[in-house]
Amino acid sequence: MAWIRRDKEQFELERGCIFCKRGAGEEELLVARSSHVYVMLNASPYNFAHLLIVPYAHCPGTEELDSDSLLDLMQTSNKAMTCLRSLYQPAAFNMGANIGAEAGASIPAHFHLHIVPRWPGETGFITAIGDTRVIPDSLENTGRELREIWHEQ
């Protein structure tokens, strides 16, 4: 509950932007980098292989991104979905962003795009009734598989 009730803007000021830190360093959740964005696994996934496409530019929404960044964001998103289809054969995707705290953004100061693969018969209801996520593989294995295939696509 402390995480939910904290002052999110004050927390970001004290700790620094986690997306800026992740963009500047290497870590196990990182999948790929391009000119203006990077791809990482969501550390708290809604579903298996949930990816985030994160601009290097620290800004709260797409309006502040230049044309090259916007183009790279969408091209990298397409490549991410191609890799996910190749590895895991999802039937569909949810793609979206929560822009602003009131829209549900957990890190409202740094825009990021979610790509969530979806499959028929998945156990999404477990989250709603049991406060549990069903993830069939570890983040480490998923990251390794995605990094291996990324450059082949």
N, C-alpha and C. Protein backbone atom coordinates (compact mmCIF):
# COMPACT_ATOMS: atom_id res chain seq x y z
N MET A 1 0.81 -1.19 0.00
CA MET A 1 0.00 0.00 0.00
C MET A 1 0.86 1.27 0.00
N ALA A 2 2.04 1.20 0.58
CA ALA A 2 2.90 2.38 0.60
C ALA A 2 3.22 2.84 -0.81
N TRP A 3 3.43 1.90 -1.73
CA TRP A 3 3.74 2.23 -3.13
C TRP A 3 2.58 2.98 -3.77
N ILE A 4 1.38 2.57 -3.51
CA ILE A 4 0.20 3.19 -4.11
C ILE A 4 -0.05 4.58 -3.52
N ARG A 5 0.15 4.72 -2.22
CA ARG A 5 -0.18 5.97 -1.54
C ARG A 5 0.92 7.02 -1.58
N ARG A 6 2.07 6.68 -2.06
CA ARG A 6 3.18 7.64 -2.05
C ARG A 6 2.91 8.79 -3.01
N ASP A 7 3.58 9.89 -2.80
CA ASP A 7 3.54 11.02 -3.72
C ASP A 7 4.46 10.66 -4.89
N LYS A 8 3.87 10.32 -6.03
CA LYS A 8 4.65 9.80 -7.16
C LYS A 8 5.62 10.83 -7.72
N GLU A 9 5.21 12.07 -7.80
CA GLU A 9 6.12 13.09 -8.32
C GLU A 9 7.30 13.30 -7.38
N GLN A 10 7.05 13.31 -6.07
CA GLN A 10 8.14 13.47 -5.11
C GLN A 10 9.06 12.26 -5.16
N PHE A 11 8.50 11.07 -5.30
CA PHE A 11 9.28 9.84 -5.41
C PHE A 11 10.24 9.92 -6.60
N GLU A 12 9.73 10.37 -7.77
CA GLU A 12 10.56 10.50 -8.96
C GLU A 12 11.67 11.51 -8.75
N LEU A 13 11.36 12.64 -8.09
CA LEU A 13 12.38 13.66 -7.84
C LEU A 13 13.49 13.11 -6.94
N GLU A 14 13.11 12.34 -5.94
CA GLU A 14 14.09 11.81 -4.99
C GLU A 14 14.95 10.71 -5.61
N ARG A 15 14.37 9.86 -6.39
CA ARG A 15 15.08 8.69 -6.91
C ARG A 15 15.60 8.88 -8.32
N GLY A 16 15.09 9.86 -9.05
CA GLY A 16 15.45 10.03 -10.45
C GLY A 16 14.53 9.16 -11.31
N CYS A 17 14.47 9.47 -12.57
CA CYS A 17 13.58 8.75 -13.48
C CYS A 17 14.13 7.36 -13.77
N ILE A 18 13.36 6.35 -13.45
CA ILE A 18 13.80 4.97 -13.67
C ILE A 18 14.01 4.67 -15.16
N PHE A 19 13.19 5.28 -16.03
CA PHE A 19 13.35 5.05 -17.47
C PHE A 19 14.61 5.73 -18.00
N CYS A 20 14.95 6.89 -17.48
CA CYS A 20 16.20 7.54 -17.89
C CYS A 20 17.40 6.71 -17.42
N LYS A 21 17.32 6.19 -16.20
CA LYS A 21 18.41 5.35 -15.68
C LYS A 21 18.54 4.07 -16.48
N ARG A 22 17.42 3.43 -16.78
CA ARG A 22 17.47 2.19 -17.55
C ARG A 22 17.95 2.43 -18.97
N GLY A 23 17.57 3.54 -19.55
CA GLY A 23 18.00 3.87 -20.90
C GLY A 23 19.49 4.12 -21.00
N ALA A 24 20.08 4.56 -19.89
CA ALA A 24 21.50 4.89 -19.88
C ALA A 24 22.38 3.69 -19.54
N GLY A 25 21.79 2.63 -18.99
CA GLY A 25 22.58 1.50 -18.52
C GLY A 25 22.21 0.20 -19.18
N GLU A 26 22.89 -0.83 -18.78
CA GLU A 26 22.58 -2.19 -19.22
C GLU A 26 21.90 -2.92 -18.08
N GLU A 27 20.91 -3.71 -18.40
CA GLU A 27 20.24 -4.51 -17.38
C GLU A 27 19.55 -5.69 -18.02
N GLU A 28 19.12 -6.62 -17.20
CA GLU A 28 18.56 -7.87 -17.70
C GLU A 28 17.21 -7.70 -18.39
N LEU A 29 16.49 -6.63 -18.11
CA LEU A 29 15.19 -6.42 -18.75
C LEU A 29 15.29 -5.80 -20.13
N LEU A 30 16.44 -5.25 -20.47
CA LEU A 30 16.64 -4.60 -21.76
C LEU A 30 16.63 -5.65 -22.88
N VAL A 31 15.85 -5.38 -23.93
CA VAL A 31 15.77 -6.27 -25.09
C VAL A 31 16.57 -5.71 -26.26
N ALA A 32 16.38 -4.43 -26.56
CA ALA A 32 17.05 -3.85 -27.73
C ALA A 32 17.09 -2.33 -27.61
N ARG A 33 17.97 -1.74 -28.40
CA ARG A 33 18.09 -0.28 -28.49
C ARG A 33 18.01 0.13 -29.95
N SER A 34 17.45 1.29 -30.18
CA SER A 34 17.49 1.91 -31.50
C SER A 34 17.95 3.35 -31.31
N SER A 35 17.84 4.16 -32.32
CA SER A 35 18.36 5.53 -32.26
C SER A 35 17.68 6.40 -31.21
N HIS A 36 16.36 6.28 -31.07
CA HIS A 36 15.61 7.20 -30.21
C HIS A 36 14.83 6.51 -29.10
N VAL A 37 14.74 5.18 -29.13
CA VAL A 37 13.97 4.43 -28.14
C VAL A 37 14.71 3.15 -27.75
N TYR A 38 14.28 2.58 -26.66
CA TYR A 38 14.75 1.24 -26.30
C TYR A 38 13.56 0.37 -25.93
N VAL A 39 13.79 -0.93 -25.95
CA VAL A 39 12.75 -1.92 -25.68
C VAL A 39 13.15 -2.69 -24.43
N MET A 40 12.20 -2.82 -23.52
CA MET A 40 12.47 -3.60 -22.31
C MET A 40 11.24 -4.40 -21.91
N LEU A 41 11.49 -5.48 -21.19
CA LEU A 41 10.39 -6.23 -20.60
C LEU A 41 9.84 -5.44 -19.42
N ASN A 42 8.54 -5.47 -19.25
CA ASN A 42 7.92 -4.84 -18.10
C ASN A 42 8.23 -5.68 -16.87
N ALA A 43 8.79 -5.07 -15.84
CA ALA A 43 9.14 -5.79 -14.61
C ALA A 43 7.89 -6.26 -13.86
N SER A 44 6.74 -5.64 -14.10
CA SER A 44 5.46 -6.04 -13.51
C SER A 44 4.48 -6.28 -14.65
N PRO A 45 4.65 -7.37 -15.39
CA PRO A 45 3.86 -7.56 -16.62
C PRO A 45 2.39 -7.83 -16.37
N TYR A 46 1.55 -7.28 -17.29
CA TYR A 46 0.13 -7.61 -17.29
C TYR A 46 -0.08 -9.00 -17.85
N ASN A 47 0.84 -9.42 -18.72
CA ASN A 47 0.74 -10.71 -19.39
C ASN A 47 2.15 -11.13 -19.80
N PHE A 48 2.30 -12.38 -20.18
CA PHE A 48 3.59 -12.90 -20.61
C PHE A 48 4.16 -12.07 -21.77
N ALA A 49 5.46 -11.76 -21.71
CA ALA A 49 6.20 -11.05 -22.74
C ALA A 49 5.71 -9.62 -22.97
N HIS A 50 5.19 -9.00 -21.93
CA HIS A 50 4.73 -7.61 -21.97
C HIS A 50 5.96 -6.71 -22.13
N LEU A 51 5.99 -5.95 -23.24
CA LEU A 51 7.12 -5.08 -23.55
C LEU A 51 6.77 -3.61 -23.37
N LEU A 52 7.80 -2.82 -23.12
CA LEU A 52 7.69 -1.36 -23.08
C LEU A 52 8.63 -0.80 -24.14
N ILE A 53 8.14 0.15 -24.91
CA ILE A 53 8.97 0.89 -25.86
C ILE A 53 9.13 2.28 -25.24
N VAL A 54 10.36 2.64 -24.91
CA VAL A 54 10.63 3.83 -24.12
C VAL A 54 11.55 4.79 -24.87
N PRO A 55 11.10 6.02 -25.12
CA PRO A 55 12.00 7.00 -25.73
C PRO A 55 13.14 7.36 -24.77
N TYR A 56 14.30 7.68 -25.30
CA TYR A 56 15.38 8.20 -24.46
C TYR A 56 15.02 9.58 -23.94
N ALA A 57 14.26 10.34 -24.71
CA ALA A 57 13.85 11.69 -24.31
C ALA A 57 12.91 11.61 -23.10
N HIS A 58 13.23 12.35 -22.08
CA HIS A 58 12.40 12.41 -20.88
C HIS A 58 11.29 13.43 -21.11
N CYS A 59 10.09 12.91 -21.41
CA CYS A 59 8.94 13.79 -21.63
C CYS A 59 7.67 13.02 -21.25
N PRO A 60 6.61 13.74 -20.87
CA PRO A 60 5.41 13.07 -20.38
C PRO A 60 4.46 12.53 -21.44
N GLY A 61 4.64 12.94 -22.70
CA GLY A 61 3.72 12.47 -23.74
C GLY A 61 4.35 12.55 -25.11
N THR A 62 3.61 12.11 -26.09
CA THR A 62 4.12 12.08 -27.46
C THR A 62 4.25 13.46 -28.09
N GLU A 63 3.51 14.42 -27.57
CA GLU A 63 3.54 15.76 -28.16
C GLU A 63 4.94 16.38 -28.14
N GLU A 64 5.75 16.01 -27.17
CA GLU A 64 7.09 16.57 -27.04
C GLU A 64 8.15 15.84 -27.86
N LEU A 65 7.80 14.70 -28.43
CA LEU A 65 8.76 13.93 -29.22
C LEU A 65 8.88 14.49 -30.63
N ASP A 66 10.10 14.53 -31.16
CA ASP A 66 10.29 15.01 -32.53
C ASP A 66 9.88 13.92 -33.52
N SER A 67 9.83 14.27 -34.78
CA SER A 67 9.37 13.34 -35.83
C SER A 67 10.22 12.09 -35.91
N ASP A 68 11.53 12.23 -35.78
CA ASP A 68 12.41 11.06 -35.83
C ASP A 68 12.14 10.10 -34.68
N SER A 69 11.90 10.65 -33.50
CA SER A 69 11.59 9.81 -32.34
C SER A 69 10.26 9.09 -32.51
N LEU A 70 9.26 9.81 -33.02
CA LEU A 70 7.95 9.19 -33.24
C LEU A 70 8.03 8.07 -34.27
N LEU A 71 8.77 8.30 -35.34
CA LEU A 71 8.95 7.27 -36.37
C LEU A 71 9.66 6.06 -35.78
N ASP A 72 10.71 6.28 -35.03
CA ASP A 72 11.46 5.19 -34.42
C ASP A 72 10.60 4.43 -33.42
N LEU A 73 9.78 5.16 -32.66
CA LEU A 73 8.86 4.54 -31.70
C LEU A 73 7.95 3.53 -32.40
N MET A 74 7.35 3.94 -33.51
CA MET A 74 6.41 3.05 -34.20
C MET A 74 7.13 1.93 -34.96
N GLN A 75 8.25 2.22 -35.59
CA GLN A 75 8.98 1.16 -36.29
C GLN A 75 9.51 0.13 -35.31
N THR A 76 9.98 0.58 -34.17
CA THR A 76 10.47 -0.35 -33.14
C THR A 76 9.32 -1.16 -32.56
N SER A 77 8.15 -0.54 -32.41
CA SER A 77 6.97 -1.27 -31.93
C SER A 77 6.59 -2.37 -32.91
N ASN A 78 6.64 -2.07 -34.19
CA ASN A 78 6.34 -3.09 -35.20
C ASN A 78 7.34 -4.24 -35.14
N LYS A 79 8.61 -3.91 -34.98
CA LYS A 79 9.64 -4.95 -34.89
C LYS A 79 9.43 -5.80 -33.64
N ALA A 80 9.06 -5.16 -32.54
CA ALA A 80 8.78 -5.90 -31.31
C ALA A 80 7.64 -6.89 -31.50
N MET A 81 6.57 -6.45 -32.16
CA MET A 81 5.45 -7.37 -32.42
C MET A 81 5.86 -8.50 -33.37
N THR A 82 6.69 -8.19 -34.34
CA THR A 82 7.19 -9.23 -35.26
C THR A 82 7.97 -10.28 -34.48
N CYS A 83 8.84 -9.84 -33.58
CA CYS A 83 9.62 -10.78 -32.77
C CYS A 83 8.72 -11.61 -31.86
N LEU A 84 7.75 -10.96 -31.22
CA LEU A 84 6.83 -11.68 -30.35
C LEU A 84 6.01 -12.71 -31.13
N ARG A 85 5.54 -12.33 -32.32
CA ARG A 85 4.80 -13.30 -33.16
C ARG A 85 5.67 -14.49 -33.52
N SER A 86 6.92 -14.22 -33.90
CA SER A 86 7.83 -15.28 -34.31
C SER A 86 8.11 -16.26 -33.16
N LEU A 87 8.32 -15.74 -31.97
CA LEU A 87 8.66 -16.59 -30.83
C LEU A 87 7.47 -17.27 -30.17
N TYR A 88 6.39 -16.53 -29.97
CA TYR A 88 5.33 -17.00 -29.09
C TYR A 88 3.95 -17.12 -29.73
N GLN A 89 3.80 -16.74 -30.99
CA GLN A 89 2.56 -16.84 -31.75
C GLN A 89 1.32 -16.30 -31.01
N PRO A 90 1.39 -15.06 -30.51
CA PRO A 90 0.18 -14.51 -29.89
C PRO A 90 -0.91 -14.31 -30.95
N ALA A 91 -2.14 -14.38 -30.53
CA ALA A 91 -3.28 -14.19 -31.44
C ALA A 91 -3.56 -12.71 -31.68
N ALA A 92 -3.15 -11.87 -30.74
CA ALA A 92 -3.47 -10.44 -30.82
C ALA A 92 -2.54 -9.67 -29.89
N PHE A 93 -2.66 -8.35 -29.93
CA PHE A 93 -1.89 -7.48 -29.04
C PHE A 93 -2.78 -6.38 -28.51
N ASN A 94 -2.49 -5.94 -27.29
CA ASN A 94 -2.94 -4.65 -26.79
C ASN A 94 -1.73 -3.74 -26.90
N MET A 95 -1.93 -2.55 -27.49
CA MET A 95 -0.88 -1.56 -27.58
C MET A 95 -1.46 -0.26 -27.06
N GLY A 96 -0.75 0.36 -26.13
CA GLY A 96 -1.27 1.61 -25.62
C GLY A 96 -0.36 2.29 -24.64
N ALA A 97 -0.79 3.47 -24.22
CA ALA A 97 -0.03 4.27 -23.28
C ALA A 97 -0.98 4.95 -22.31
N ASN A 98 -0.53 5.10 -21.08
CA ASN A 98 -1.24 5.85 -20.07
C ASN A 98 -0.50 7.18 -19.94
N ILE A 99 -1.08 8.23 -20.44
CA ILE A 99 -0.40 9.52 -20.45
C ILE A 99 -0.98 10.38 -19.35
N GLY A 100 -0.21 10.57 -18.29
CA GLY A 100 -0.64 11.31 -17.12
C GLY A 100 -1.06 10.39 -15.99
N ALA A 101 -0.84 10.85 -14.77
CA ALA A 101 -1.15 10.04 -13.59
C ALA A 101 -2.63 9.66 -13.53
N GLU A 102 -3.50 10.59 -13.90
CA GLU A 102 -4.94 10.33 -13.84
C GLU A 102 -5.37 9.29 -14.87
N ALA A 103 -4.54 9.06 -15.88
CA ALA A 103 -4.83 8.03 -16.88
C ALA A 103 -4.25 6.68 -16.48
N GLY A 104 -3.56 6.64 -15.34
CA GLY A 104 -3.02 5.39 -14.85
C GLY A 104 -1.52 5.23 -15.02
N ALA A 105 -0.83 6.26 -15.50
CA ALA A 105 0.62 6.15 -15.68
C ALA A 105 1.30 6.03 -14.32
N SER A 106 2.08 4.97 -14.14
CA SER A 106 2.81 4.81 -12.89
C SER A 106 4.07 5.68 -12.87
N ILE A 107 4.56 6.04 -14.06
CA ILE A 107 5.69 6.97 -14.19
C ILE A 107 5.25 8.05 -15.17
N PRO A 108 4.46 9.01 -14.71
CA PRO A 108 3.84 9.97 -15.61
C PRO A 108 4.80 10.95 -16.30
N ALA A 109 5.98 11.14 -15.75
CA ALA A 109 6.91 12.12 -16.33
C ALA A 109 7.67 11.59 -17.55
N HIS A 110 7.61 10.27 -17.80
CA HIS A 110 8.37 9.70 -18.91
C HIS A 110 7.46 8.78 -19.73
N PHE A 111 7.06 9.26 -20.90
CA PHE A 111 6.19 8.49 -21.79
C PHE A 111 6.80 7.13 -22.12
N HIS A 112 5.94 6.12 -22.21
CA HIS A 112 6.34 4.80 -22.68
C HIS A 112 5.11 4.10 -23.26
N LEU A 113 5.35 3.25 -24.23
CA LEU A 113 4.29 2.53 -24.93
C LEU A 113 4.31 1.07 -24.49
N HIS A 114 3.14 0.54 -24.17
CA HIS A 114 3.00 -0.86 -23.77
C HIS A 114 2.62 -1.71 -24.98
N ILE A 115 3.25 -2.88 -25.10
CA ILE A 115 2.83 -3.88 -26.08
C ILE A 115 2.60 -5.17 -25.30
N VAL A 116 1.35 -5.59 -25.28
CA VAL A 116 0.95 -6.75 -24.48
C VAL A 116 0.41 -7.84 -25.40
N PRO A 117 1.14 -8.95 -25.55
CA PRO A 117 0.63 -10.06 -26.37
C PRO A 117 -0.58 -10.72 -25.70
N ARG A 118 -1.51 -11.22 -26.54
CA ARG A 118 -2.71 -11.87 -26.02
C ARG A 118 -2.95 -13.20 -26.74
N TRP A 119 -3.45 -14.18 -26.01
CA TRP A 119 -3.73 -15.51 -26.55
C TRP A 119 -5.15 -15.93 -26.19
N PRO A 120 -5.77 -16.76 -27.02
CA PRO A 120 -7.10 -17.28 -26.67
C PRO A 120 -7.03 -18.12 -25.39
N GLY A 121 -7.99 -17.97 -24.55
CA GLY A 121 -8.08 -18.80 -23.35
C GLY A 121 -7.06 -18.47 -22.28
N GLU A 122 -6.38 -17.32 -22.41
CA GLU A 122 -5.40 -16.99 -21.37
C GLU A 122 -6.10 -16.79 -20.04
N THR A 123 -5.34 -16.82 -18.99
CA THR A 123 -5.91 -16.83 -17.64
C THR A 123 -5.98 -15.43 -17.04
N GLY A 124 -6.33 -14.43 -17.84
CA GLY A 124 -6.40 -13.06 -17.38
C GLY A 124 -7.35 -12.83 -16.22
N PHE A 125 -8.38 -13.68 -16.07
CA PHE A 125 -9.33 -13.50 -14.99
C PHE A 125 -8.69 -13.75 -13.63
N ILE A 126 -7.61 -14.52 -13.58
CA ILE A 126 -6.94 -14.81 -12.31
C ILE A 126 -6.47 -13.51 -11.65
N THR A 127 -5.99 -12.56 -12.46
CA THR A 127 -5.54 -11.28 -11.92
C THR A 127 -6.68 -10.56 -11.23
N ALA A 128 -7.85 -10.57 -11.84
CA ALA A 128 -9.00 -9.84 -11.29
C ALA A 128 -9.52 -10.47 -10.01
N ILE A 129 -9.54 -11.80 -9.93
CA ILE A 129 -10.16 -12.43 -8.77
C ILE A 129 -9.16 -12.94 -7.74
N GLY A 130 -7.90 -13.15 -8.15
CA GLY A 130 -6.95 -13.74 -7.22
C GLY A 130 -5.72 -12.93 -6.95
N ASP A 131 -5.64 -11.71 -7.52
CA ASP A 131 -4.47 -10.85 -7.34
C ASP A 131 -3.18 -11.61 -7.65
N THR A 132 -3.23 -12.39 -8.76
CA THR A 132 -2.12 -13.24 -9.16
C THR A 132 -1.90 -13.11 -10.66
N ARG A 133 -0.65 -13.15 -11.10
CA ARG A 133 -0.33 -13.17 -12.52
C ARG A 133 0.16 -14.57 -12.88
N VAL A 134 -0.27 -15.06 -14.04
CA VAL A 134 0.18 -16.36 -14.52
C VAL A 134 1.13 -16.10 -15.68
N ILE A 135 2.42 -16.30 -15.44
CA ILE A 135 3.45 -16.04 -16.43
C ILE A 135 4.19 -17.37 -16.65
N PRO A 136 4.18 -17.90 -17.90
CA PRO A 136 4.71 -19.24 -18.14
C PRO A 136 6.23 -19.37 -18.19
N ASP A 137 6.96 -18.27 -18.15
CA ASP A 137 8.42 -18.34 -18.17
C ASP A 137 8.97 -17.14 -17.43
N SER A 138 10.23 -17.22 -17.06
CA SER A 138 10.86 -16.14 -16.31
C SER A 138 11.16 -14.95 -17.22
N LEU A 139 11.29 -13.78 -16.61
CA LEU A 139 11.68 -12.59 -17.36
C LEU A 139 13.07 -12.79 -17.97
N GLU A 140 13.96 -13.46 -17.25
CA GLU A 140 15.31 -13.69 -17.76
C GLU A 140 15.30 -14.52 -19.04
N ASN A 141 14.54 -15.61 -19.06
CA ASN A 141 14.45 -16.46 -20.26
C ASN A 141 13.77 -15.73 -21.41
N THR A 142 12.70 -15.02 -21.11
CA THR A 142 11.98 -14.27 -22.14
C THR A 142 12.90 -13.21 -22.75
N GLY A 143 13.61 -12.48 -21.90
CA GLY A 143 14.55 -11.47 -22.38
C GLY A 143 15.63 -12.06 -23.26
N ARG A 144 16.18 -13.18 -22.84
CA ARG A 144 17.23 -13.85 -23.62
C ARG A 144 16.70 -14.25 -24.99
N GLU A 145 15.52 -14.85 -25.03
CA GLU A 145 14.95 -15.27 -26.31
C GLU A 145 14.68 -14.08 -27.23
N LEU A 146 14.15 -13.01 -26.67
CA LEU A 146 13.86 -11.82 -27.49
C LEU A 146 15.14 -11.15 -27.99
N ARG A 147 16.16 -11.08 -27.14
CA ARG A 147 17.44 -10.49 -27.59
C ARG A 147 18.06 -11.33 -28.70
N GLU A 148 17.95 -12.65 -28.61
CA GLU A 148 18.53 -13.53 -29.64
C GLU A 148 17.86 -13.35 -30.99
N ILE A 149 16.53 -13.19 -30.99
CA ILE A 149 15.81 -13.10 -32.27
C ILE A 149 15.75 -11.66 -32.81
N TRP A 150 15.98 -10.67 -31.98
CA TRP A 150 15.79 -9.27 -32.37
C TRP A 150 16.53 -8.92 -33.66
N HIS A 151 17.77 -9.31 -33.76
CA HIS A 151 18.60 -8.91 -34.91
C HIS A 151 18.33 -9.76 -36.14
N GLU A 152 17.59 -10.84 -35.98
CA GLU A 152 17.22 -11.67 -37.13
C GLU A 152 16.02 -11.12 -37.87
N GLN A 153 15.24 -10.26 -37.24
CA GLN A 153 14.00 -9.76 -37.83
C GLN A 153 14.24 -8.54 -38.68
